[in-house]
Amino acid sequence: MRSVFGPTILAASGVFYVGRSRDEAERELRRAKTIYPDFKVVLADLSIKEDKILAVDVDPDLGDLDEGYAVLVQA
């Protein structure tokens, strides 16, 4: 899976959405769960250290962001 931030994707996982709106992130989370029912789909709050670490494990470029939300699809 390719990331919108670059080609580096680890462990067959990827970023489905990145944005500042929690409401839009939750809509995209539901959409991603529909598209990828066999994968683990999570919503990461990039202002929370543990969530940001999870996001960086999927795409290292997300380490540059300190706020916003990311929907991650993990194999």
N, C-alpha and C. Protein backbone atom coordinates (compact mmCIF):
# COMPACT_ATOMS: atom_id res chain seq x y z
N MET A 1 0.85 -1.18 0.00
CA MET A 1 0.00 0.00 0.00
C MET A 1 0.89 1.24 0.00
N ARG A 2 0.54 2.22 -0.80
CA ARG A 2 1.32 3.46 -0.87
C ARG A 2 0.76 4.49 0.10
N SER A 3 1.64 5.30 0.59
CA SER A 3 1.27 6.39 1.48
C SER A 3 1.15 7.68 0.68
N VAL A 4 0.29 8.57 1.12
CA VAL A 4 0.20 9.88 0.49
C VAL A 4 1.44 10.71 0.78
N PHE A 5 2.21 10.32 1.79
CA PHE A 5 3.40 11.07 2.17
C PHE A 5 4.67 10.52 1.54
N GLY A 6 4.62 9.38 0.89
CA GLY A 6 5.81 8.84 0.28
C GLY A 6 5.70 7.35 0.07
N PRO A 7 6.70 6.75 -0.55
CA PRO A 7 6.63 5.33 -0.90
C PRO A 7 7.00 4.37 0.23
N THR A 8 7.50 4.87 1.35
CA THR A 8 7.97 3.98 2.40
C THR A 8 6.82 3.48 3.25
N ILE A 9 6.46 2.24 3.09
CA ILE A 9 5.41 1.62 3.89
C ILE A 9 6.01 0.34 4.48
N LEU A 10 5.86 0.18 5.77
CA LEU A 10 6.46 -0.96 6.45
C LEU A 10 5.41 -1.98 6.81
N ALA A 11 5.75 -3.25 6.78
CA ALA A 11 4.92 -4.35 7.25
C ALA A 11 3.55 -4.41 6.56
N ALA A 12 3.50 -4.13 5.25
CA ALA A 12 2.27 -4.22 4.46
C ALA A 12 1.13 -3.41 5.05
N SER A 13 1.43 -2.25 5.57
CA SER A 13 0.44 -1.35 6.15
C SER A 13 0.51 -0.02 5.41
N GLY A 14 -0.51 0.81 5.61
CA GLY A 14 -0.51 2.10 4.93
C GLY A 14 -1.41 3.12 5.59
N VAL A 15 -1.29 4.34 5.10
CA VAL A 15 -2.09 5.46 5.59
C VAL A 15 -3.25 5.64 4.62
N PHE A 16 -4.47 5.62 5.14
CA PHE A 16 -5.66 5.80 4.33
C PHE A 16 -6.07 7.27 4.27
N TYR A 17 -5.87 7.98 5.37
CA TYR A 17 -6.33 9.37 5.46
C TYR A 17 -5.47 10.12 6.48
N VAL A 18 -5.22 11.39 6.20
CA VAL A 18 -4.57 12.29 7.16
C VAL A 18 -5.29 13.63 7.07
N GLY A 19 -5.67 14.18 8.22
CA GLY A 19 -6.35 15.47 8.23
C GLY A 19 -6.45 16.04 9.63
N ARG A 20 -7.04 17.23 9.73
CA ARG A 20 -7.14 17.90 11.03
C ARG A 20 -8.50 17.71 11.70
N SER A 21 -9.51 17.35 10.95
CA SER A 21 -10.86 17.24 11.48
C SER A 21 -11.12 15.84 12.03
N ARG A 22 -11.49 15.76 13.31
CA ARG A 22 -11.80 14.46 13.89
C ARG A 22 -13.06 13.86 13.27
N ASP A 23 -14.05 14.72 13.00
CA ASP A 23 -15.29 14.22 12.40
C ASP A 23 -15.04 13.59 11.03
N GLU A 24 -14.25 14.27 10.21
CA GLU A 24 -13.93 13.72 8.90
C GLU A 24 -13.08 12.45 9.03
N ALA A 25 -12.16 12.44 9.99
CA ALA A 25 -11.33 11.25 10.22
C ALA A 25 -12.20 10.06 10.62
N GLU A 26 -13.21 10.29 11.44
CA GLU A 26 -14.10 9.20 11.84
C GLU A 26 -14.92 8.69 10.66
N ARG A 27 -15.33 9.60 9.75
CA ARG A 27 -16.04 9.17 8.53
C ARG A 27 -15.11 8.32 7.66
N GLU A 28 -13.88 8.77 7.52
CA GLU A 28 -12.91 8.01 6.71
C GLU A 28 -12.56 6.67 7.37
N LEU A 29 -12.57 6.63 8.69
CA LEU A 29 -12.34 5.38 9.41
C LEU A 29 -13.43 4.37 9.06
N ARG A 30 -14.68 4.80 9.09
CA ARG A 30 -15.79 3.91 8.73
C ARG A 30 -15.67 3.45 7.27
N ARG A 31 -15.29 4.37 6.40
CA ARG A 31 -15.13 4.01 4.99
C ARG A 31 -13.99 3.01 4.80
N ALA A 32 -12.87 3.23 5.48
CA ALA A 32 -11.73 2.32 5.36
C ALA A 32 -12.09 0.93 5.89
N LYS A 33 -12.86 0.87 6.97
CA LYS A 33 -13.27 -0.43 7.51
C LYS A 33 -14.17 -1.18 6.53
N THR A 34 -14.94 -0.44 5.74
CA THR A 34 -15.78 -1.06 4.71
C THR A 34 -14.93 -1.58 3.55
N ILE A 35 -13.95 -0.79 3.14
CA ILE A 35 -13.10 -1.16 2.01
C ILE A 35 -12.13 -2.28 2.37
N TYR A 36 -11.60 -2.26 3.59
CA TYR A 36 -10.60 -3.25 4.03
C TYR A 36 -11.13 -4.05 5.22
N PRO A 37 -12.14 -4.88 5.02
CA PRO A 37 -12.72 -5.60 6.17
C PRO A 37 -11.80 -6.63 6.80
N ASP A 38 -10.81 -7.11 6.07
CA ASP A 38 -9.90 -8.14 6.60
C ASP A 38 -8.65 -7.57 7.25
N PHE A 39 -8.56 -6.24 7.31
CA PHE A 39 -7.39 -5.59 7.89
C PHE A 39 -7.78 -4.88 9.18
N LYS A 40 -6.77 -4.59 9.99
CA LYS A 40 -6.97 -3.79 11.20
C LYS A 40 -6.92 -2.32 10.77
N VAL A 41 -7.98 -1.58 11.04
CA VAL A 41 -8.07 -0.18 10.68
C VAL A 41 -8.21 0.62 11.96
N VAL A 42 -7.31 1.59 12.17
CA VAL A 42 -7.31 2.36 13.41
C VAL A 42 -7.25 3.85 13.12
N LEU A 43 -7.77 4.62 14.07
CA LEU A 43 -7.70 6.08 14.02
C LEU A 43 -6.63 6.53 15.01
N ALA A 44 -5.61 7.20 14.52
CA ALA A 44 -4.52 7.68 15.37
C ALA A 44 -4.60 9.19 15.52
N ASP A 45 -4.57 9.65 16.76
CA ASP A 45 -4.52 11.09 17.07
C ASP A 45 -3.03 11.45 17.17
N LEU A 46 -2.56 12.24 16.24
CA LEU A 46 -1.12 12.52 16.16
C LEU A 46 -0.60 13.41 17.28
N SER A 47 -1.50 13.95 18.11
CA SER A 47 -1.05 14.73 19.25
C SER A 47 -0.82 13.86 20.49
N ILE A 48 -1.19 12.59 20.40
CA ILE A 48 -0.98 11.64 21.50
C ILE A 48 0.25 10.79 21.16
N LYS A 49 1.22 10.77 22.07
CA LYS A 49 2.51 10.13 21.81
C LYS A 49 2.37 8.68 21.34
N GLU A 50 1.54 7.88 22.02
CA GLU A 50 1.40 6.47 21.68
C GLU A 50 0.80 6.29 20.28
N ASP A 51 -0.20 7.12 19.95
CA ASP A 51 -0.81 7.05 18.62
C ASP A 51 0.18 7.47 17.54
N LYS A 52 0.98 8.50 17.85
CA LYS A 52 1.96 8.97 16.87
C LYS A 52 3.02 7.90 16.61
N ILE A 53 3.44 7.19 17.64
CA ILE A 53 4.40 6.10 17.47
C ILE A 53 3.83 5.03 16.56
N LEU A 54 2.55 4.69 16.76
CA LEU A 54 1.87 3.72 15.91
C LEU A 54 1.84 4.20 14.46
N ALA A 55 1.55 5.48 14.26
CA ALA A 55 1.49 6.04 12.91
C ALA A 55 2.87 6.05 12.26
N VAL A 56 3.90 6.38 13.02
CA VAL A 56 5.26 6.41 12.48
C VAL A 56 5.73 5.01 12.11
N ASP A 57 5.26 4.01 12.83
CA ASP A 57 5.59 2.63 12.48
C ASP A 57 5.03 2.26 11.10
N VAL A 58 3.91 2.86 10.74
CA VAL A 58 3.31 2.60 9.43
C VAL A 58 3.97 3.46 8.36
N ASP A 59 4.16 4.74 8.63
CA ASP A 59 4.78 5.65 7.67
C ASP A 59 5.65 6.65 8.43
N PRO A 60 6.97 6.53 8.33
CA PRO A 60 7.88 7.40 9.07
C PRO A 60 7.68 8.90 8.80
N ASP A 61 7.15 9.26 7.65
CA ASP A 61 6.93 10.67 7.34
C ASP A 61 5.89 11.32 8.25
N LEU A 62 5.04 10.54 8.89
CA LEU A 62 4.04 11.09 9.80
C LEU A 62 4.68 11.65 11.08
N GLY A 63 5.93 11.35 11.32
CA GLY A 63 6.63 11.88 12.47
C GLY A 63 6.79 13.39 12.41
N ASP A 64 6.66 13.97 11.22
CA ASP A 64 6.77 15.42 11.07
C ASP A 64 5.51 16.16 11.53
N LEU A 65 4.40 15.45 11.70
CA LEU A 65 3.14 16.07 12.08
C LEU A 65 2.92 15.98 13.59
N ASP A 66 2.51 17.08 14.20
CA ASP A 66 2.27 17.10 15.64
C ASP A 66 0.80 17.22 16.00
N GLU A 67 -0.05 17.40 15.02
CA GLU A 67 -1.48 17.49 15.28
C GLU A 67 -2.23 16.88 14.11
N GLY A 68 -3.48 16.55 14.34
CA GLY A 68 -4.31 15.97 13.30
C GLY A 68 -4.57 14.50 13.57
N TYR A 69 -5.17 13.85 12.60
CA TYR A 69 -5.59 12.47 12.74
C TYR A 69 -5.18 11.68 11.50
N ALA A 70 -4.87 10.42 11.71
CA ALA A 70 -4.52 9.54 10.61
C ALA A 70 -5.32 8.25 10.73
N VAL A 71 -5.85 7.80 9.62
CA VAL A 71 -6.50 6.49 9.57
C VAL A 71 -5.48 5.53 8.99
N LEU A 72 -5.14 4.51 9.76
CA LEU A 72 -4.11 3.56 9.38
C LEU A 72 -4.73 2.21 9.05
N VAL A 73 -4.25 1.59 8.00
CA VAL A 73 -4.68 0.24 7.63
C VAL A 73 -3.48 -0.67 7.84
N GLN A 74 -3.66 -1.67 8.71
CA GLN A 74 -2.55 -2.57 9.06
C GLN A 74 -2.91 -4.00 8.68
N ALA A 75 -1.94 -4.69 8.12
CA ALA A 75 -2.14 -6.08 7.74
C ALA A 75 -2.18 -6.99 8.95
